[in-house]
Amino acid sequence: MRDLVSGPRRFVELQRTLPGISTEQLRSRLNRMVADGLLTRQRYREVPPRVDYELTERARDLVPVLGALARWGYEWSWTEPRRNEAIDIGAIFRLAPGLLTLPRSLRGTVELTVADRSKDRETKQYTVIVKRGDVTLEERAEPEADAQVAGSERAWIDALVPDGVTSGLEIRGDARLATAILEGLTPASTRATAVA
């Protein structure tokens, strides 16, 4: 579900975001979620065949629950990544709609960029859209965003770990909006919110 929060995805895209899952296991889980009314499946008459999966309204109601599980993970099980461990910063960003609790007065767009300097991986961009405190996420660039936050994968890891530091991230534009997003995604603010 986490990987569909930002919008519909094709089967092959889901395979890419879920390394280690077998084709049959993924197909079985997706079929079960469709049967349970959590996903819709759209088949297109193309060659090669294409199938898109998308969250239903019923599933979207679970996004805050996913956010709560992420907060729990931040609090109780977050550790420094092991050497050579594959990290998907986008997995955290995809939970932004469930993680972020923002004031209704806040609105705007923030482009989050994870720059990867290795040749085999690409730079990834995410757009967080805030309207009256509600948050949506799209996996795309937004050159006209009110704020941009960019950094390497390592800089994002350093920012998102407990007691993290954001000094490795470059922030441009509306600093208040960018800071609200960053604070909402980091474990330190999660702990402070949980205690309050």
C-alpha atoms as a PDB file:
ATOM      1  CA  MET A   1       0.000   0.000   0.000  1.00  0.00           C
ATOM      2  CA  ARG A   2       2.836   2.381   0.860  1.00  0.00           C
ATOM      3  CA  ASP A   3       4.120   2.250  -2.692  1.00  0.00           C
ATOM      4  CA  LEU A   4       0.710   3.131  -4.144  1.00  0.00           C
ATOM      5  CA  VAL A   5       0.024   6.177  -1.941  1.00  0.00           C
ATOM      6  CA  SER A   6       1.509   8.501  -4.566  1.00  0.00           C
ATOM      7  CA  GLY A   7      -0.714   7.133  -7.333  1.00  0.00           C
ATOM      8  CA  PRO A   8      -1.234   4.165  -9.645  1.00  0.00           C
ATOM      9  CA  ARG A   9       1.679   1.925 -10.550  1.00  0.00           C
ATOM     10  CA  ARG A  10       2.291  -0.832 -13.011  1.00  0.00           C
ATOM     11  CA  PHE A  11       3.149  -4.325 -11.821  1.00  0.00           C
ATOM     12  CA  VAL A  12       6.780  -3.983 -12.968  1.00  0.00           C
ATOM     13  CA  GLU A  13       7.143  -0.687 -11.081  1.00  0.00           C
ATOM     14  CA  LEU A  14       5.930  -2.371  -7.899  1.00  0.00           C
ATOM     15  CA  GLN A  15       8.458  -5.163  -8.434  1.00  0.00           C
ATOM     16  CA  ARG A  16      11.211  -2.550  -8.652  1.00  0.00           C
ATOM     17  CA  THR A  17      10.167  -0.853  -5.395  1.00  0.00           C
ATOM     18  CA  LEU A  18       9.907  -4.192  -3.558  1.00  0.00           C
ATOM     19  CA  PRO A  19      13.256  -5.923  -4.077  1.00  0.00           C
ATOM     20  CA  GLY A  20      13.375  -9.552  -3.050  1.00  0.00           C
ATOM     21  CA  ILE A  21       9.689 -10.325  -3.581  1.00  0.00           C
ATOM     22  CA  SER A  22       8.980 -13.055  -6.105  1.00  0.00           C
ATOM     23  CA  THR A  23       6.701 -12.373  -9.052  1.00  0.00           C
ATOM     24  CA  GLU A  24       4.217 -14.976  -7.827  1.00  0.00           C
ATOM     25  CA  GLN A  25       4.192 -13.635  -4.273  1.00  0.00           C
ATOM     26  CA  LEU A  26       3.580 -10.074  -5.466  1.00  0.00           C
ATOM     27  CA  ARG A  27       0.851 -11.207  -7.868  1.00  0.00           C
ATOM     28  CA  SER A  28      -0.838 -13.172  -5.083  1.00  0.00           C
ATOM     29  CA  ARG A  29      -0.762 -10.221  -2.657  1.00  0.00           C
ATOM     30  CA  LEU A  30      -2.088  -7.803  -5.269  1.00  0.00           C
ATOM     31  CA  ASN A  31      -4.902 -10.200  -6.229  1.00  0.00           C
ATOM     32  CA  ARG A  32      -5.857 -10.577  -2.561  1.00  0.00           C
ATOM     33  CA  MET A  33      -5.879  -6.794  -2.058  1.00  0.00           C
ATOM     34  CA  VAL A  34      -8.107  -6.388  -5.135  1.00  0.00           C
ATOM     35  CA  ALA A  35     -10.458  -9.074  -3.773  1.00  0.00           C
ATOM     36  CA  ASP A  36     -10.534  -7.300  -0.385  1.00  0.00           C
ATOM     37  CA  GLY A  37     -11.497  -3.993  -2.010  1.00  0.00           C
ATOM     38  CA  LEU A  38      -8.202  -2.248  -1.212  1.00  0.00           C
ATOM     39  CA  LEU A  39      -6.956  -1.927  -4.806  1.00  0.00           C
ATOM     40  CA  THR A  40      -8.392  -1.483  -8.248  1.00  0.00           C
ATOM     41  CA  ARG A  41      -6.749  -3.177 -11.207  1.00  0.00           C
ATOM     42  CA  GLN A  42      -6.914  -1.552 -14.637  1.00  0.00           C
ATOM     43  CA  ARG A  43      -5.923  -3.660 -17.629  1.00  0.00           C
ATOM     44  CA  TYR A  44      -4.985  -1.978 -20.888  1.00  0.00           C
ATOM     45  CA  ARG A  45      -5.205  -3.595 -24.296  1.00  0.00           C
ATOM     46  CA  GLU A  46      -1.617  -3.005 -25.292  1.00  0.00           C
ATOM     47  CA  VAL A  47       1.280  -5.080 -26.448  1.00  0.00           C
ATOM     48  CA  PRO A  48       2.971  -5.925 -24.200  1.00  0.00           C
ATOM     49  CA  PRO A  49      -0.005  -6.049 -21.790  1.00  0.00           C
ATOM     50  CA  ARG A  50      -0.088  -3.376 -19.094  1.00  0.00           C
ATOM     51  CA  VAL A  51      -1.853  -3.529 -15.720  1.00  0.00           C
ATOM     52  CA  ASP A  52      -2.078  -0.604 -13.276  1.00  0.00           C
ATOM     53  CA  TYR A  53      -2.928  -0.919  -9.590  1.00  0.00           C
ATOM     54  CA  GLU A  54      -4.386   1.933  -7.538  1.00  0.00           C
ATOM     55  CA  LEU A  55      -5.590   2.375  -3.962  1.00  0.00           C
ATOM     56  CA  THR A  56      -9.337   2.558  -3.373  1.00  0.00           C
ATOM     57  CA  GLU A  57     -10.908   5.086  -0.975  1.00  0.00           C
ATOM     58  CA  ARG A  58     -11.148   2.250   1.533  1.00  0.00           C
ATOM     59  CA  ALA A  59      -7.380   1.748   1.337  1.00  0.00           C
ATOM     60  CA  ARG A  60      -6.672   5.498   1.487  1.00  0.00           C
ATOM     61  CA  ASP A  61      -8.409   5.532   4.869  1.00  0.00           C
ATOM     62  CA  LEU A  62      -5.528   3.310   6.084  1.00  0.00           C
ATOM     63  CA  VAL A  63      -2.798   5.835   5.185  1.00  0.00           C
ATOM     64  CA  PRO A  64      -2.820   7.378   8.701  1.00  0.00           C
ATOM     65  CA  VAL A  65      -2.388   3.855  10.098  1.00  0.00           C
ATOM     66  CA  LEU A  66       0.670   3.377   7.868  1.00  0.00           C
ATOM     67  CA  GLY A  67       1.965   6.706   9.185  1.00  0.00           C
ATOM     68  CA  ALA A  68       1.444   5.541  12.773  1.00  0.00           C
ATOM     69  CA  LEU A  69       3.365   2.331  12.037  1.00  0.00           C
ATOM     70  CA  ALA A  70       6.182   4.403  10.541  1.00  0.00           C
ATOM     71  CA  ARG A  71       6.272   6.593  13.662  1.00  0.00           C
ATOM     72  CA  TRP A  72       6.455   3.460  15.814  1.00  0.00           C
ATOM     73  CA  GLY A  73       9.321   2.182  13.649  1.00  0.00           C
ATOM     74  CA  TYR A  74      11.130   5.496  14.049  1.00  0.00           C
ATOM     75  CA  GLU A  75      10.740   5.337  17.807  1.00  0.00           C
ATOM     76  CA  TRP A  76      11.572   1.697  18.429  1.00  0.00           C
ATOM     77  CA  SER A  77      13.448   0.081  15.578  1.00  0.00           C
ATOM     78  CA  TRP A  78      15.310   2.671  13.502  1.00  0.00           C
ATOM     79  CA  THR A  79      19.014   1.905  13.256  1.00  0.00           C
ATOM     80  CA  GLU A  80      21.896   3.205  11.198  1.00  0.00           C
ATOM     81  CA  PRO A  81      21.842   1.383   7.842  1.00  0.00           C
ATOM     82  CA  ARG A  82      24.233  -1.543   7.616  1.00  0.00           C
ATOM     83  CA  ARG A  83      27.126  -1.411   5.191  1.00  0.00           C
ATOM     84  CA  ASN A  84      25.900  -2.042   1.609  1.00  0.00           C
ATOM     85  CA  GLU A  85      22.250  -2.066   2.731  1.00  0.00           C
ATOM     86  CA  ALA A  86      19.870  -0.845   0.031  1.00  0.00           C
ATOM     87  CA  ILE A  87      18.032   2.262   1.214  1.00  0.00           C
ATOM     88  CA  ASP A  88      14.813   3.597  -0.319  1.00  0.00           C
ATOM     89  CA  ILE A  89      14.337   7.156   0.955  1.00  0.00           C
ATOM     90  CA  GLY A  90      11.235   7.274  -1.245  1.00  0.00           C
ATOM     91  CA  ALA A  91       9.588   4.706   1.020  1.00  0.00           C
ATOM     92  CA  ILE A  92       9.599   7.306   3.799  1.00  0.00           C
ATOM     93  CA  PHE A  93       8.444  10.078   1.466  1.00  0.00           C
ATOM     94  CA  ARG A  94       5.546   7.893   0.250  1.00  0.00           C
ATOM     95  CA  LEU A  95       4.278   7.833   3.834  1.00  0.00           C
ATOM     96  CA  ALA A  96       4.215  11.649   4.058  1.00  0.00           C
ATOM     97  CA  PRO A  97       0.391  11.789   3.798  1.00  0.00           C
ATOM     98  CA  GLY A  98       0.162   9.611   6.921  1.00  0.00           C
ATOM     99  CA  LEU A  99       3.198  11.000   8.756  1.00  0.00           C
ATOM    100  CA  LEU A 100       2.670  14.731   8.408  1.00  0.00           C
ATOM    101  CA  THR A 101       0.284  16.578  10.695  1.00  0.00           C
ATOM    102  CA  LEU A 102       0.402  20.179   9.540  1.00  0.00           C
ATOM    103  CA  PRO A 103      -1.585  23.295  10.476  1.00  0.00           C
ATOM    104  CA  ARG A 104      -4.574  24.075   8.244  1.00  0.00           C
ATOM    105  CA  SER A 105      -3.042  27.449   7.459  1.00  0.00           C
ATOM    106  CA  LEU A 106      -0.074  25.816   5.716  1.00  0.00           C
ATOM    107  CA  ARG A 107      -0.223  25.393   1.951  1.00  0.00           C
ATOM    108  CA  GLY A 108       2.156  25.030  -0.941  1.00  0.00           C
ATOM    109  CA  THR A 109       4.368  22.540  -2.740  1.00  0.00           C
ATOM    110  CA  VAL A 110       7.771  21.193  -1.783  1.00  0.00           C
ATOM    111  CA  GLU A 111       9.986  19.292  -4.187  1.00  0.00           C
ATOM    112  CA  LEU A 112      12.167  16.678  -2.479  1.00  0.00           C
ATOM    113  CA  THR A 113      15.167  15.492  -4.486  1.00  0.00           C
ATOM    114  CA  VAL A 114      17.356  12.513  -3.710  1.00  0.00           C
ATOM    115  CA  ALA A 115      20.437  12.949  -5.881  1.00  0.00           C
ATOM    116  CA  ASP A 116      22.398   9.799  -6.524  1.00  0.00           C
ATOM    117  CA  ARG A 117      25.885  10.209  -7.853  1.00  0.00           C
ATOM    118  CA  SER A 118      26.395   6.558  -8.793  1.00  0.00           C
ATOM    119  CA  LYS A 119      26.021   5.695 -12.454  1.00  0.00           C
ATOM    120  CA  ASP A 120      23.589   2.812 -11.954  1.00  0.00           C
ATOM    121  CA  ARG A 121      20.947   4.830 -10.054  1.00  0.00           C
ATOM    122  CA  GLU A 122      19.002   7.896 -11.030  1.00  0.00           C
ATOM    123  CA  THR A 123      18.084  11.072  -9.199  1.00  0.00           C
ATOM    124  CA  LYS A 124      14.554  10.789  -7.803  1.00  0.00           C
ATOM    125  CA  GLN A 125      12.130  13.623  -7.206  1.00  0.00           C
ATOM    126  CA  TYR A 126       8.978  13.779  -5.130  1.00  0.00           C
ATOM    127  CA  THR A 127       6.448  16.569  -4.766  1.00  0.00           C
ATOM    128  CA  VAL A 128       4.658  17.108  -1.464  1.00  0.00           C
ATOM    129  CA  ILE A 129       1.480  19.132  -1.912  1.00  0.00           C
ATOM    130  CA  VAL A 130      -0.029  20.784   1.166  1.00  0.00           C
ATOM    131  CA  LYS A 131      -3.540  22.272   1.050  1.00  0.00           C
ATOM    132  CA  ARG A 132      -5.240  23.321   4.290  1.00  0.00           C
ATOM    133  CA  GLY A 133      -3.035  20.932   6.238  1.00  0.00           C
ATOM    134  CA  ASP A 134      -3.878  17.948   3.997  1.00  0.00           C
ATOM    135  CA  VAL A 135      -0.883  16.291   2.345  1.00  0.00           C
ATOM    136  CA  THR A 136      -0.595  14.446  -0.951  1.00  0.00           C
ATOM    137  CA  LEU A 137       2.519  13.123  -2.656  1.00  0.00           C
ATOM    138  CA  GLU A 138       3.384  12.681  -6.308  1.00  0.00           C
ATOM    139  CA  GLU A 139       6.539  11.061  -7.627  1.00  0.00           C
ATOM    140  CA  ARG A 140       7.585  13.739 -10.066  1.00  0.00           C
ATOM    141  CA  ALA A 141       9.611  16.930 -10.313  1.00  0.00           C
ATOM    142  CA  GLU A 142       7.990  20.303  -9.640  1.00  0.00           C
ATOM    143  CA  PRO A 143      10.245  23.087 -10.948  1.00  0.00           C
ATOM    144  CA  GLU A 144       7.721  25.724  -9.804  1.00  0.00           C
ATOM    145  CA  ALA A 145       7.528  24.396  -6.216  1.00  0.00           C
ATOM    146  CA  ASP A 146       7.338  26.915  -3.385  1.00  0.00           C
ATOM    147  CA  ALA A 147      10.331  25.184  -1.801  1.00  0.00           C
ATOM    148  CA  GLN A 148      12.946  22.634  -2.811  1.00  0.00           C
ATOM    149  CA  VAL A 149      14.904  20.353  -0.524  1.00  0.00           C
ATOM    150  CA  ALA A 150      17.739  18.429  -2.168  1.00  0.00           C
ATOM    151  CA  GLY A 151      20.521  16.191  -1.038  1.00  0.00           C
ATOM    152  CA  SER A 152      22.363  12.965  -1.609  1.00  0.00           C
ATOM    153  CA  GLU A 153      21.017   9.692  -0.281  1.00  0.00           C
ATOM    154  CA  ARG A 154      23.547   9.964   2.575  1.00  0.00           C
ATOM    155  CA  ALA A 155      22.385  13.504   3.433  1.00  0.00           C
ATOM    156  CA  TRP A 156      18.766  12.314   3.577  1.00  0.00           C
ATOM    157  CA  ILE A 157      19.710   9.358   5.787  1.00  0.00           C
ATOM    158  CA  ASP A 158      21.586  11.736   8.111  1.00  0.00           C
ATOM    159  CA  ALA A 159      18.513  13.980   8.249  1.00  0.00           C
ATOM    160  CA  LEU A 160      15.989  11.199   8.864  1.00  0.00           C
ATOM    161  CA  VAL A 161      17.796   9.187  11.555  1.00  0.00           C
ATOM    162  CA  PRO A 162      16.887   9.854  15.208  1.00  0.00           C
ATOM    163  CA  ASP A 163      18.452  13.150  16.271  1.00  0.00           C
ATOM    164  CA  GLY A 164      19.371  13.682  12.626  1.00  0.00           C
ATOM    165  CA  VAL A 165      20.983  16.732  11.117  1.00  0.00           C
ATOM    166  CA  THR A 166      19.735  18.522   8.021  1.00  0.00           C
ATOM    167  CA  SER A 167      22.951  20.443   7.313  1.00  0.00           C
ATOM    168  CA  GLY A 168      23.680  18.195   4.302  1.00  0.00           C
ATOM    169  CA  LEU A 169      20.410  19.150   2.640  1.00  0.00           C
ATOM    170  CA  GLU A 170      20.063  22.212   0.435  1.00  0.00           C
ATOM    171  CA  ILE A 171      16.864  24.160   1.109  1.00  0.00           C
ATOM    172  CA  ARG A 172      15.627  26.796  -1.348  1.00  0.00           C
ATOM    173  CA  GLY A 173      12.439  28.838  -1.421  1.00  0.00           C
ATOM    174  CA  ASP A 174       9.853  28.930   1.375  1.00  0.00           C
ATOM    175  CA  ALA A 175      11.972  27.856   4.358  1.00  0.00           C
ATOM    176  CA  ARG A 176       8.963  27.737   6.699  1.00  0.00           C
ATOM    177  CA  LEU A 177       7.137  25.247   4.469  1.00  0.00           C
ATOM    178  CA  ALA A 178      10.277  23.156   3.847  1.00  0.00           C
ATOM    179  CA  THR A 179      11.083  23.061   7.570  1.00  0.00           C
ATOM    180  CA  ALA A 180       7.535  21.939   8.432  1.00  0.00           C
ATOM    181  CA  ILE A 181       7.852  19.044   5.976  1.00  0.00           C
ATOM    182  CA  LEU A 182      11.323  18.054   7.217  1.00  0.00           C
ATOM    183  CA  GLU A 183      10.318  18.223  10.872  1.00  0.00           C
ATOM    184  CA  GLY A 184       7.255  16.099  10.159  1.00  0.00           C
ATOM    185  CA  LEU A 185       9.342  13.421   8.454  1.00  0.00           C
ATOM    186  CA  THR A 186      12.035  13.156  11.140  1.00  0.00           C
ATOM    187  CA  PRO A 187      11.960  10.923  14.202  1.00  0.00           C
ATOM    188  CA  ALA A 188      12.888  13.693  16.669  1.00  0.00           C
ATOM    189  CA  SER A 189       9.664  15.569  15.972  1.00  0.00           C
ATOM    190  CA  THR A 190       7.754  12.285  16.091  1.00  0.00           C
ATOM    191  CA  ARG A 191       8.998  11.653  19.612  1.00  0.00           C
ATOM    192  CA  ALA A 192       8.163  15.186  20.699  1.00  0.00           C
ATOM    193  CA  THR A 193       4.649  14.855  19.257  1.00  0.00           C
ATOM    194  CA  ALA A 194       4.112  11.481  20.931  1.00  0.00           C
ATOM    195  CA  VAL A 195       5.143  12.846  24.341  1.00  0.00           C
ATOM    196  CA  ALA A 196       3.053  16.030  24.093  1.00  0.00           C
END
